[in-house]
Amino acid sequence: MYTNQENIASSSHENIPRSAPQLILVLGGARSGKSTFTEQLAKRSRRSVAFIATATASDDDMRLRIEKHQAARPAEWHTIEEPLNLSLAIHKAASLADVILLDCMTLWASNWLFTQENIDDASPITSSYYEGVLAEIDGLLTTFRALDSQKTLIIVTNEVGLGIVPSYTLGRVYRDVLGLVNQRLADAADRVYLMIAGLGVDIKRLHEEAML
């Protein structure tokens, strides 16, 4: 069902030398199958896995969601809960496992925005928000590139730019911030999958073929 999933799984656990760690980005809308897809990739790699969770139990609904996801993950997986410092979390995860699954950038971007100065309709939006978040992503990528060449980082994120324009300032800033984050990660990734109704499409490979 998932495009090239078997190929990724097999290449990730065979002793194939790589000159650099591998980055896989998986994005899609809500309930598109992102988490299931990435967890299957990690399981089929047959390597040790560390899961970085960025969610925080902000209310009862989110607490139940977190508990459900925790129960569904294999017991042997390492779990690191880190809502903000992803560079530190990736460094720690790499010391525990060969496959690092980061789920997700969507919640991380929300967490990051809430650490910034108050954003409201009365406040002008400056470029500092966008420069700041991209600096964080560049730090994440620097940490990733320093990993052992046999490590794999799988990142989950949402595509939030396909709906209506948010009517309030914070919503528009969030949409723009996450869009910039996704672009920076997609540019650096070896593979980028777009999830649609549970089906994964390798859009980076399609892009590369179209540019030939």
N, C-alpha and C. Protein backbone atom coordinates (compact mmCIF):
# COMPACT_ATOMS: atom_id res chain seq x y z
N MET A 1 0.82 -1.21 0.00
CA MET A 1 0.00 0.00 0.00
C MET A 1 0.85 1.26 0.00
N TYR A 2 1.99 1.25 0.72
CA TYR A 2 2.81 2.44 0.82
C TYR A 2 3.89 2.42 -0.25
N THR A 3 4.03 3.50 -0.98
CA THR A 3 4.98 3.60 -2.07
C THR A 3 6.40 3.36 -1.58
N ASN A 4 7.06 2.35 -2.14
CA ASN A 4 8.47 2.05 -1.85
C ASN A 4 8.75 1.75 -0.38
N GLN A 5 7.74 1.42 0.39
CA GLN A 5 7.98 1.16 1.82
C GLN A 5 8.87 -0.05 2.01
N GLU A 6 8.62 -1.11 1.24
CA GLU A 6 9.43 -2.30 1.39
C GLU A 6 10.89 -2.00 1.05
N ASN A 7 11.14 -1.15 0.02
CA ASN A 7 12.50 -0.83 -0.36
C ASN A 7 13.21 -0.07 0.74
N ILE A 8 12.51 0.88 1.36
CA ILE A 8 13.12 1.63 2.45
C ILE A 8 13.43 0.72 3.61
N ALA A 9 12.49 -0.13 3.95
CA ALA A 9 12.67 -1.02 5.09
C ALA A 9 13.86 -1.94 4.88
N SER A 10 13.97 -2.51 3.69
CA SER A 10 15.04 -3.46 3.44
C SER A 10 16.40 -2.77 3.39
N SER A 11 16.46 -1.59 2.74
CA SER A 11 17.75 -0.91 2.62
C SER A 11 18.22 -0.37 3.96
N SER A 12 17.28 -0.14 4.88
CA SER A 12 17.67 0.45 6.15
C SER A 12 18.23 -0.57 7.13
N HIS A 13 18.00 -1.88 6.91
CA HIS A 13 18.55 -2.83 7.88
C HIS A 13 19.64 -3.72 7.29
N GLU A 14 19.80 -3.70 5.97
CA GLU A 14 20.91 -4.43 5.40
C GLU A 14 22.20 -3.65 5.65
N ASN A 15 23.34 -4.34 5.59
CA ASN A 15 24.62 -3.69 5.85
C ASN A 15 25.10 -2.94 4.61
N ILE A 16 24.37 -1.91 4.23
CA ILE A 16 24.72 -1.10 3.08
C ILE A 16 25.41 0.16 3.58
N PRO A 17 26.69 0.35 3.23
CA PRO A 17 27.41 1.53 3.73
C PRO A 17 26.77 2.82 3.22
N ARG A 18 26.65 3.80 4.09
CA ARG A 18 26.16 5.12 3.70
C ARG A 18 27.18 6.14 4.15
N SER A 19 27.30 7.21 3.39
CA SER A 19 28.27 8.24 3.72
C SER A 19 27.70 9.29 4.66
N ALA A 20 26.39 9.27 4.86
CA ALA A 20 25.74 10.26 5.73
C ALA A 20 24.47 9.65 6.30
N PRO A 21 24.01 10.16 7.44
CA PRO A 21 22.74 9.67 8.00
C PRO A 21 21.59 9.98 7.04
N GLN A 22 20.50 9.24 7.17
CA GLN A 22 19.36 9.38 6.28
C GLN A 22 18.23 10.13 6.97
N LEU A 23 17.64 11.08 6.24
CA LEU A 23 16.50 11.85 6.76
C LEU A 23 15.28 11.58 5.89
N ILE A 24 14.19 11.17 6.53
CA ILE A 24 12.91 10.91 5.85
C ILE A 24 11.88 11.82 6.46
N LEU A 25 11.18 12.59 5.62
CA LEU A 25 10.12 13.48 6.08
C LEU A 25 8.78 12.94 5.61
N VAL A 26 7.83 12.84 6.53
CA VAL A 26 6.49 12.35 6.22
C VAL A 26 5.49 13.43 6.61
N LEU A 27 4.75 13.94 5.63
CA LEU A 27 3.79 14.99 5.93
C LEU A 27 2.43 14.68 5.32
N GLY A 28 1.41 15.31 5.86
CA GLY A 28 0.05 15.11 5.39
C GLY A 28 -0.93 15.82 6.30
N GLY A 29 -2.20 15.72 5.99
CA GLY A 29 -3.23 16.34 6.81
C GLY A 29 -3.56 15.50 8.03
N ALA A 30 -4.48 16.00 8.82
CA ALA A 30 -4.92 15.25 10.00
C ALA A 30 -5.56 13.94 9.59
N ARG A 31 -5.24 12.87 10.32
CA ARG A 31 -5.79 11.54 10.09
C ARG A 31 -5.49 11.01 8.68
N SER A 32 -4.35 11.41 8.14
CA SER A 32 -3.97 10.94 6.80
C SER A 32 -3.17 9.64 6.85
N GLY A 33 -2.78 9.21 8.06
CA GLY A 33 -2.02 7.97 8.20
C GLY A 33 -0.54 8.17 8.44
N LYS A 34 -0.12 9.39 8.81
CA LYS A 34 1.29 9.70 8.98
C LYS A 34 1.96 8.84 10.04
N SER A 35 1.37 8.80 11.23
CA SER A 35 1.99 8.06 12.33
C SER A 35 2.07 6.57 12.03
N THR A 36 1.01 6.02 11.47
CA THR A 36 1.02 4.60 11.12
C THR A 36 2.12 4.29 10.11
N PHE A 37 2.23 5.13 9.10
CA PHE A 37 3.24 4.94 8.06
C PHE A 37 4.65 4.98 8.64
N THR A 38 4.94 6.00 9.45
CA THR A 38 6.29 6.13 9.99
C THR A 38 6.61 5.02 10.97
N GLU A 39 5.64 4.62 11.77
CA GLU A 39 5.89 3.53 12.71
C GLU A 39 6.14 2.22 11.99
N GLN A 40 5.45 2.00 10.87
CA GLN A 40 5.71 0.80 10.08
C GLN A 40 7.11 0.85 9.46
N LEU A 41 7.54 2.01 9.00
CA LEU A 41 8.91 2.14 8.48
C LEU A 41 9.92 1.76 9.56
N ALA A 42 9.71 2.29 10.75
CA ALA A 42 10.63 2.01 11.85
C ALA A 42 10.64 0.53 12.21
N LYS A 43 9.46 -0.09 12.29
CA LYS A 43 9.37 -1.50 12.65
C LYS A 43 10.04 -2.38 11.60
N ARG A 44 9.81 -2.08 10.33
CA ARG A 44 10.34 -2.92 9.26
C ARG A 44 11.83 -2.76 9.07
N SER A 45 12.41 -1.72 9.66
CA SER A 45 13.86 -1.56 9.56
C SER A 45 14.59 -2.64 10.34
N ARG A 46 13.88 -3.24 11.34
CA ARG A 46 14.47 -4.28 12.20
C ARG A 46 15.69 -3.77 12.96
N ARG A 47 15.69 -2.49 13.23
CA ARG A 47 16.77 -1.89 14.02
C ARG A 47 16.18 -1.27 15.28
N SER A 48 17.04 -0.89 16.19
CA SER A 48 16.58 -0.27 17.42
C SER A 48 15.96 1.09 17.11
N VAL A 49 14.93 1.44 17.88
CA VAL A 49 14.15 2.65 17.60
C VAL A 49 14.03 3.51 18.86
N ALA A 50 14.21 4.81 18.68
CA ALA A 50 13.95 5.78 19.74
C ALA A 50 12.87 6.74 19.23
N PHE A 51 11.86 6.95 20.04
CA PHE A 51 10.71 7.78 19.67
C PHE A 51 10.78 9.10 20.42
N ILE A 52 10.83 10.22 19.68
CA ILE A 52 10.81 11.54 20.30
C ILE A 52 9.40 12.10 20.20
N ALA A 53 8.77 12.32 21.35
CA ALA A 53 7.40 12.83 21.40
C ALA A 53 7.43 14.31 21.79
N THR A 54 6.80 15.14 20.96
CA THR A 54 6.77 16.58 21.25
C THR A 54 5.45 17.01 21.89
N ALA A 55 4.49 16.10 22.00
CA ALA A 55 3.18 16.45 22.55
C ALA A 55 3.25 16.67 24.05
N THR A 56 2.41 17.56 24.53
CA THR A 56 2.24 17.78 25.97
C THR A 56 0.78 17.56 26.32
N ALA A 57 0.52 17.05 27.50
CA ALA A 57 -0.86 16.75 27.93
C ALA A 57 -1.53 18.02 28.40
N SER A 58 -1.94 18.85 27.45
CA SER A 58 -2.52 20.15 27.77
C SER A 58 -3.98 20.06 28.23
N ASP A 59 -4.65 18.97 27.88
CA ASP A 59 -6.03 18.78 28.32
C ASP A 59 -6.33 17.28 28.34
N ASP A 60 -7.54 16.91 28.76
CA ASP A 60 -7.88 15.50 28.90
C ASP A 60 -7.86 14.77 27.56
N ASP A 61 -8.32 15.44 26.50
CA ASP A 61 -8.33 14.80 25.18
C ASP A 61 -6.92 14.49 24.72
N MET A 62 -6.01 15.46 24.88
CA MET A 62 -4.62 15.23 24.47
C MET A 62 -3.97 14.17 25.35
N ARG A 63 -4.31 14.14 26.62
CA ARG A 63 -3.75 13.14 27.51
C ARG A 63 -4.16 11.73 27.07
N LEU A 64 -5.42 11.57 26.68
CA LEU A 64 -5.89 10.27 26.19
C LEU A 64 -5.21 9.88 24.89
N ARG A 65 -5.01 10.86 24.01
CA ARG A 65 -4.33 10.59 22.73
C ARG A 65 -2.90 10.11 22.97
N ILE A 66 -2.20 10.78 23.89
CA ILE A 66 -0.83 10.41 24.20
C ILE A 66 -0.78 9.00 24.77
N GLU A 67 -1.68 8.69 25.69
CA GLU A 67 -1.71 7.36 26.29
C GLU A 67 -2.00 6.28 25.25
N LYS A 68 -2.89 6.58 24.31
CA LYS A 68 -3.22 5.62 23.26
C LYS A 68 -2.01 5.35 22.37
N HIS A 69 -1.29 6.41 22.00
CA HIS A 69 -0.10 6.23 21.16
C HIS A 69 0.99 5.48 21.92
N GLN A 70 1.15 5.78 23.19
CA GLN A 70 2.17 5.10 23.99
C GLN A 70 1.89 3.60 24.06
N ALA A 71 0.61 3.24 24.26
CA ALA A 71 0.24 1.83 24.37
C ALA A 71 0.44 1.08 23.06
N ALA A 72 0.33 1.80 21.93
CA ALA A 72 0.43 1.15 20.63
C ALA A 72 1.87 0.91 20.19
N ARG A 73 2.81 1.64 20.78
CA ARG A 73 4.21 1.49 20.38
C ARG A 73 4.84 0.25 21.00
N PRO A 74 5.76 -0.41 20.28
CA PRO A 74 6.45 -1.58 20.84
C PRO A 74 7.13 -1.26 22.16
N ALA A 75 7.07 -2.18 23.07
CA ALA A 75 7.61 -1.96 24.41
C ALA A 75 9.12 -1.73 24.41
N GLU A 76 9.82 -2.29 23.39
CA GLU A 76 11.27 -2.17 23.36
C GLU A 76 11.75 -0.82 22.81
N TRP A 77 10.85 -0.01 22.28
CA TRP A 77 11.25 1.30 21.78
C TRP A 77 11.56 2.23 22.95
N HIS A 78 12.57 3.03 22.78
CA HIS A 78 12.89 4.07 23.75
C HIS A 78 12.00 5.28 23.47
N THR A 79 11.53 5.93 24.52
CA THR A 79 10.70 7.12 24.35
C THR A 79 11.35 8.30 25.05
N ILE A 80 11.46 9.40 24.31
CA ILE A 80 12.00 10.65 24.85
C ILE A 80 10.94 11.72 24.67
N GLU A 81 10.49 12.30 25.77
CA GLU A 81 9.50 13.36 25.70
C GLU A 81 10.21 14.70 25.75
N GLU A 82 10.11 15.45 24.66
CA GLU A 82 10.79 16.74 24.59
C GLU A 82 9.98 17.70 23.71
N PRO A 83 9.30 18.66 24.32
CA PRO A 83 8.44 19.56 23.55
C PRO A 83 9.16 20.67 22.80
N LEU A 84 10.43 20.97 23.15
CA LEU A 84 11.10 22.12 22.55
C LEU A 84 12.51 21.86 22.01
N ASN A 85 13.38 21.30 22.84
CA ASN A 85 14.79 21.18 22.46
C ASN A 85 15.02 19.92 21.63
N LEU A 86 14.78 20.04 20.33
CA LEU A 86 14.88 18.86 19.47
C LEU A 86 16.32 18.45 19.21
N SER A 87 17.23 19.39 19.16
CA SER A 87 18.64 19.04 18.96
C SER A 87 19.13 18.14 20.10
N LEU A 88 18.79 18.53 21.32
CA LEU A 88 19.16 17.71 22.48
C LEU A 88 18.49 16.35 22.42
N ALA A 89 17.21 16.32 22.05
CA ALA A 89 16.48 15.06 21.99
C ALA A 89 17.06 14.13 20.93
N ILE A 90 17.42 14.66 19.77
CA ILE A 90 18.01 13.84 18.71
C ILE A 90 19.35 13.29 19.14
N HIS A 91 20.15 14.12 19.78
CA HIS A 91 21.46 13.65 20.27
C HIS A 91 21.29 12.52 21.28
N LYS A 92 20.33 12.66 22.17
CA LYS A 92 20.07 11.61 23.17
C LYS A 92 19.53 10.36 22.51
N ALA A 93 18.60 10.52 21.56
CA ALA A 93 18.00 9.37 20.89
C ALA A 93 19.04 8.59 20.10
N ALA A 94 19.97 9.30 19.49
CA ALA A 94 21.00 8.63 18.69
C ALA A 94 21.93 7.78 19.55
N SER A 95 22.03 8.12 20.84
CA SER A 95 22.85 7.32 21.74
C SER A 95 22.14 6.04 22.17
N LEU A 96 20.83 5.97 21.90
CA LEU A 96 20.03 4.82 22.33
C LEU A 96 19.62 3.90 21.19
N ALA A 97 19.54 4.43 19.96
CA ALA A 97 18.96 3.64 18.87
C ALA A 97 19.51 4.08 17.53
N ASP A 98 19.24 3.25 16.52
CA ASP A 98 19.69 3.53 15.15
C ASP A 98 18.65 4.28 14.33
N VAL A 99 17.38 4.08 14.65
CA VAL A 99 16.30 4.77 13.96
C VAL A 99 15.64 5.72 14.96
N ILE A 100 15.55 6.99 14.58
CA ILE A 100 14.95 8.01 15.44
C ILE A 100 13.66 8.48 14.78
N LEU A 101 12.55 8.38 15.49
CA LEU A 101 11.26 8.77 14.96
C LEU A 101 10.78 9.99 15.75
N LEU A 102 10.68 11.13 15.08
CA LEU A 102 10.28 12.38 15.72
C LEU A 102 8.84 12.70 15.33
N ASP A 103 7.94 12.69 16.30
CA ASP A 103 6.51 12.88 16.03
C ASP A 103 5.95 13.85 17.07
N CYS A 104 5.67 15.14 16.74
CA CYS A 104 5.78 15.64 15.39
C CYS A 104 6.21 17.10 15.40
N MET A 105 6.59 17.61 14.22
CA MET A 105 6.99 19.01 14.09
C MET A 105 5.80 19.95 14.26
N THR A 106 4.61 19.47 13.97
CA THR A 106 3.40 20.29 14.08
C THR A 106 3.21 20.81 15.51
N LEU A 107 3.29 19.89 16.46
CA LEU A 107 3.15 20.28 17.87
C LEU A 107 4.36 21.05 18.35
N TRP A 108 5.55 20.68 17.85
CA TRP A 108 6.75 21.42 18.23
C TRP A 108 6.62 22.89 17.83
N ALA A 109 6.14 23.15 16.60
CA ALA A 109 6.00 24.54 16.14
C ALA A 109 5.03 25.31 17.03
N SER A 110 3.96 24.65 17.45
CA SER A 110 3.02 25.28 18.36
C SER A 110 3.67 25.57 19.70
N ASN A 111 4.41 24.60 20.23
CA ASN A 111 5.11 24.80 21.50
C ASN A 111 6.09 25.96 21.40
N TRP A 112 6.82 26.01 20.28
CA TRP A 112 7.83 27.06 20.08
C TRP A 112 7.17 28.43 20.01
N LEU A 113 6.08 28.54 19.27
CA LEU A 113 5.40 29.83 19.14
C LEU A 113 4.95 30.37 20.49
N PHE A 114 4.49 29.48 21.36
CA PHE A 114 3.99 29.93 22.65
C PHE A 114 5.11 30.37 23.59
N THR A 115 6.37 30.14 23.21
CA THR A 115 7.49 30.66 23.99
C THR A 115 7.91 32.05 23.53
N GLN A 116 7.36 32.49 22.40
CA GLN A 116 7.72 33.79 21.84
C GLN A 116 6.88 34.89 22.46
N GLU A 117 7.20 36.12 22.08
CA GLU A 117 6.43 37.26 22.58
C GLU A 117 4.98 37.13 22.13
N ASN A 118 4.10 37.73 22.90
CA ASN A 118 2.68 37.62 22.63
C ASN A 118 2.34 38.01 21.19
N ILE A 119 1.58 37.13 20.52
CA ILE A 119 1.15 37.40 19.15
C ILE A 119 -0.36 37.62 19.17
N ASP A 120 -0.77 38.80 18.78
CA ASP A 120 -2.21 39.07 18.71
C ASP A 120 -2.49 40.02 17.56
N ASP A 121 -3.76 40.26 17.33
CA ASP A 121 -4.15 41.08 16.18
C ASP A 121 -3.66 42.52 16.29
N ALA A 122 -3.31 42.95 17.49
CA ALA A 122 -2.87 44.33 17.68
C ALA A 122 -1.35 44.48 17.52
N SER A 123 -0.65 43.35 17.40
CA SER A 123 0.80 43.40 17.32
C SER A 123 1.27 43.19 15.89
N PRO A 124 2.23 43.98 15.43
CA PRO A 124 2.77 43.77 14.08
C PRO A 124 3.59 42.49 14.03
N ILE A 125 3.47 41.78 12.94
CA ILE A 125 4.23 40.55 12.77
C ILE A 125 5.54 40.87 12.07
N THR A 126 6.64 40.58 12.73
CA THR A 126 7.95 40.88 12.17
C THR A 126 8.62 39.61 11.67
N SER A 127 9.68 39.79 10.90
CA SER A 127 10.40 38.65 10.34
C SER A 127 11.13 37.85 11.40
N SER A 128 11.22 38.37 12.62
CA SER A 128 11.96 37.67 13.68
C SER A 128 11.36 36.32 13.99
N TYR A 129 10.02 36.20 13.86
CA TYR A 129 9.39 34.90 14.11
C TYR A 129 9.90 33.86 13.12
N TYR A 130 9.99 34.24 11.87
CA TYR A 130 10.38 33.30 10.83
C TYR A 130 11.89 33.02 10.88
N GLU A 131 12.67 34.05 11.15
CA GLU A 131 14.11 33.85 11.28
C GLU A 131 14.42 32.98 12.48
N GLY A 132 13.68 33.19 13.57
CA GLY A 132 13.93 32.41 14.78
C GLY A 132 13.62 30.95 14.62
N VAL A 133 12.49 30.63 13.99
CA VAL A 133 12.12 29.22 13.85
C VAL A 133 13.06 28.51 12.87
N LEU A 134 13.50 29.20 11.82
CA LEU A 134 14.42 28.57 10.88
C LEU A 134 15.80 28.35 11.51
N ALA A 135 16.18 29.23 12.42
CA ALA A 135 17.43 29.02 13.15
C ALA A 135 17.34 27.75 13.99
N GLU A 136 16.18 27.51 14.59
CA GLU A 136 15.97 26.28 15.36
C GLU A 136 16.08 25.05 14.46
N ILE A 137 15.49 25.12 13.27
CA ILE A 137 15.54 23.98 12.35
C ILE A 137 16.95 23.77 11.83
N ASP A 138 17.67 24.84 11.57
CA ASP A 138 19.06 24.70 11.14
C ASP A 138 19.89 24.03 12.23
N GLY A 139 19.60 24.34 13.50
CA GLY A 139 20.29 23.67 14.60
C GLY A 139 19.96 22.19 14.63
N LEU A 140 18.70 21.85 14.41
CA LEU A 140 18.28 20.44 14.35
C LEU A 140 19.04 19.72 13.24
N LEU A 141 19.11 20.35 12.06
CA LEU A 141 19.79 19.71 10.92
C LEU A 141 21.29 19.57 11.15
N THR A 142 21.88 20.53 11.84
CA THR A 142 23.30 20.42 12.17
C THR A 142 23.54 19.22 13.08
N THR A 143 22.68 19.04 14.08
CA THR A 143 22.79 17.88 14.95
C THR A 143 22.59 16.59 14.17
N PHE A 144 21.61 16.56 13.29
CA PHE A 144 21.34 15.38 12.48
C PHE A 144 22.53 15.02 11.61
N ARG A 145 23.12 16.00 10.94
CA ARG A 145 24.23 15.72 10.02
C ARG A 145 25.47 15.22 10.72
N ALA A 146 25.56 15.48 12.02
CA ALA A 146 26.72 15.02 12.80
C ALA A 146 26.57 13.59 13.29
N LEU A 147 25.40 12.97 13.05
CA LEU A 147 25.16 11.61 13.50
C LEU A 147 25.97 10.61 12.69
N ASP A 148 26.12 9.42 13.24
CA ASP A 148 26.75 8.32 12.53
C ASP A 148 26.02 8.09 11.21
N SER A 149 26.77 7.71 10.17
CA SER A 149 26.20 7.58 8.83
C SER A 149 25.13 6.51 8.73
N GLN A 150 25.07 5.58 9.67
CA GLN A 150 24.07 4.51 9.61
C GLN A 150 22.78 4.85 10.36
N LYS A 151 22.70 6.04 10.92
CA LYS A 151 21.49 6.46 11.62
C LYS A 151 20.43 6.93 10.63
N THR A 152 19.16 6.78 11.01
CA THR A 152 18.04 7.26 10.22
C THR A 152 17.12 8.09 11.10
N LEU A 153 16.80 9.29 10.63
CA LEU A 153 15.86 10.17 11.34
C LEU A 153 14.60 10.29 10.50
N ILE A 154 13.45 9.91 11.09
CA ILE A 154 12.15 10.02 10.42
C ILE A 154 11.36 11.09 11.14
N ILE A 155 10.93 12.12 10.40
CA ILE A 155 10.21 13.24 11.01
C ILE A 155 8.79 13.29 10.46
N VAL A 156 7.83 13.45 11.38
CA VAL A 156 6.42 13.57 11.03
C VAL A 156 6.02 15.04 11.14
N THR A 157 5.26 15.53 10.16
CA THR A 157 4.76 16.89 10.22
C THR A 157 3.44 16.99 9.48
N ASN A 158 2.72 18.08 9.71
CA ASN A 158 1.43 18.29 9.04
C ASN A 158 1.55 19.30 7.91
N GLU A 159 0.74 19.10 6.90
CA GLU A 159 0.57 20.10 5.85
C GLU A 159 -0.67 20.92 6.22
N VAL A 160 -0.47 22.16 6.63
CA VAL A 160 -1.58 22.98 7.11
C VAL A 160 -1.93 24.12 6.15
N GLY A 161 -1.30 24.16 5.00
CA GLY A 161 -1.51 25.29 4.10
C GLY A 161 -2.53 25.06 3.00
N LEU A 162 -3.29 23.98 3.08
CA LEU A 162 -4.22 23.67 2.00
C LEU A 162 -5.65 24.11 2.29
N GLY A 163 -5.89 24.60 3.49
CA GLY A 163 -7.24 25.00 3.86
C GLY A 163 -7.44 26.50 3.70
N ILE A 164 -8.44 27.01 4.40
CA ILE A 164 -8.74 28.44 4.32
C ILE A 164 -7.69 29.24 5.08
N VAL A 165 -7.57 30.52 4.73
CA VAL A 165 -6.65 31.40 5.43
C VAL A 165 -7.20 31.66 6.83
N PRO A 166 -6.41 31.42 7.89
CA PRO A 166 -6.91 31.66 9.25
C PRO A 166 -7.37 33.11 9.42
N SER A 167 -8.41 33.30 10.19
CA SER A 167 -8.99 34.63 10.37
C SER A 167 -8.30 35.44 11.47
N TYR A 168 -7.39 34.82 12.22
CA TYR A 168 -6.74 35.51 13.32
C TYR A 168 -5.22 35.44 13.14
N THR A 169 -4.53 36.40 13.74
CA THR A 169 -3.10 36.58 13.51
C THR A 169 -2.28 35.36 13.90
N LEU A 170 -2.51 34.82 15.10
CA LEU A 170 -1.73 33.68 15.55
C LEU A 170 -1.87 32.50 14.60
N GLY A 171 -3.07 32.27 14.09
CA GLY A 171 -3.28 31.18 13.15
C GLY A 171 -2.50 31.38 11.87
N ARG A 172 -2.45 32.61 11.38
CA ARG A 172 -1.70 32.89 10.15
C ARG A 172 -0.20 32.74 10.37
N VAL A 173 0.27 33.23 11.51
CA VAL A 173 1.70 33.08 11.82
C VAL A 173 2.07 31.61 11.94
N TYR A 174 1.22 30.85 12.62
CA TYR A 174 1.48 29.41 12.78
C TYR A 174 1.54 28.71 11.43
N ARG A 175 0.58 29.00 10.56
CA ARG A 175 0.57 28.41 9.22
C ARG A 175 1.87 28.73 8.48
N ASP A 176 2.29 30.00 8.54
CA ASP A 176 3.49 30.42 7.83
C ASP A 176 4.75 29.78 8.42
N VAL A 177 4.82 29.75 9.76
CA VAL A 177 5.98 29.17 10.44
C VAL A 177 6.13 27.69 10.08
N LEU A 178 5.03 26.94 10.17
CA LEU A 178 5.13 25.51 9.88
C LEU A 178 5.42 25.27 8.40
N GLY A 179 4.88 26.12 7.52
CA GLY A 179 5.19 25.99 6.11
C GLY A 179 6.67 26.18 5.83
N LEU A 180 7.29 27.15 6.47
CA LEU A 180 8.73 27.38 6.30
C LEU A 180 9.54 26.22 6.87
N VAL A 181 9.11 25.71 8.04
CA VAL A 181 9.78 24.55 8.64
C VAL A 181 9.73 23.35 7.69
N ASN A 182 8.55 23.09 7.14
CA ASN A 182 8.40 21.94 6.24
C ASN A 182 9.28 22.08 5.00
N GLN A 183 9.35 23.30 4.46
CA GLN A 183 10.18 23.51 3.28
C GLN A 183 11.66 23.26 3.59
N ARG A 184 12.12 23.76 4.73
CA ARG A 184 13.54 23.60 5.09
C ARG A 184 13.86 22.12 5.30
N LEU A 185 12.96 21.39 5.97
CA LEU A 185 13.19 19.96 6.21
C LEU A 185 13.11 19.16 4.91
N ALA A 186 12.14 19.49 4.06
CA ALA A 186 11.99 18.77 2.80
C ALA A 186 13.20 18.95 1.91
N ASP A 187 13.78 20.15 1.90
CA ASP A 187 14.97 20.40 1.10
C ASP A 187 16.14 19.54 1.56
N ALA A 188 16.23 19.32 2.87
CA ALA A 188 17.36 18.56 3.43
C ALA A 188 17.12 17.05 3.39
N ALA A 189 15.87 16.62 3.24
CA ALA A 189 15.53 15.20 3.37
C ALA A 189 15.95 14.39 2.15
N ASP A 190 16.27 13.12 2.41
CA ASP A 190 16.55 12.18 1.32
C ASP A 190 15.26 11.75 0.63
N ARG A 191 14.23 11.54 1.43
CA ARG A 191 12.92 11.15 0.89
C ARG A 191 11.85 11.97 1.59
N VAL A 192 10.82 12.36 0.82
CA VAL A 192 9.69 13.10 1.38
C VAL A 192 8.41 12.42 0.93
N TYR A 193 7.61 11.99 1.89
CA TYR A 193 6.36 11.29 1.59
C TYR A 193 5.17 12.16 1.97
N LEU A 194 4.22 12.26 1.05
CA LEU A 194 2.95 12.92 1.31
C LEU A 194 1.90 11.86 1.53
N MET A 195 1.24 11.91 2.69
CA MET A 195 0.21 10.93 3.02
C MET A 195 -1.16 11.44 2.59
N ILE A 196 -1.87 10.61 1.84
CA ILE A 196 -3.23 10.92 1.42
C ILE A 196 -4.09 9.68 1.64
N ALA A 197 -5.06 9.78 2.56
CA ALA A 197 -5.97 8.68 2.86
C ALA A 197 -5.23 7.36 3.13
N GLY A 198 -4.14 7.45 3.90
CA GLY A 198 -3.39 6.26 4.26
C GLY A 198 -2.37 5.80 3.24
N LEU A 199 -2.26 6.50 2.11
CA LEU A 199 -1.33 6.12 1.06
C LEU A 199 -0.17 7.10 1.02
N GLY A 200 1.06 6.56 0.97
CA GLY A 200 2.24 7.40 0.94
C GLY A 200 2.76 7.58 -0.47
N VAL A 201 2.94 8.83 -0.89
CA VAL A 201 3.46 9.15 -2.22
C VAL A 201 4.82 9.82 -2.07
N ASP A 202 5.82 9.29 -2.73
CA ASP A 202 7.18 9.81 -2.63
C ASP A 202 7.30 11.06 -3.51
N ILE A 203 6.96 12.21 -2.93
CA ILE A 203 6.89 13.43 -3.73
C ILE A 203 8.27 14.00 -4.05
N LYS A 204 9.28 13.71 -3.26
CA LYS A 204 10.60 14.23 -3.60
C LYS A 204 11.15 13.52 -4.81
N ARG A 205 10.92 12.22 -4.88
CA ARG A 205 11.37 11.49 -6.07
C ARG A 205 10.63 11.96 -7.30
N LEU A 206 9.32 12.21 -7.18
CA LEU A 206 8.57 12.73 -8.32
C LEU A 206 9.10 14.10 -8.74
N HIS A 207 9.44 14.93 -7.77
CA HIS A 207 9.99 16.25 -8.06
C HIS A 207 11.32 16.12 -8.79
N GLU A 208 12.19 15.23 -8.30
CA GLU A 208 13.49 15.06 -8.92
C GLU A 208 13.34 14.57 -10.37
N GLU A 209 12.42 13.65 -10.60
CA GLU A 209 12.19 13.15 -11.95
C GLU A 209 11.66 14.25 -12.86
N ALA A 210 10.79 15.12 -12.32
CA ALA A 210 10.22 16.19 -13.12
C ALA A 210 11.25 17.25 -13.51
N MET A 211 12.30 17.37 -12.68
CA MET A 211 13.32 18.38 -12.94
C MET A 211 14.39 17.91 -13.91
N LEU A 212 14.37 16.64 -14.28
CA LEU A 212 15.36 16.11 -15.24
C LEU A 212 15.16 16.68 -16.63
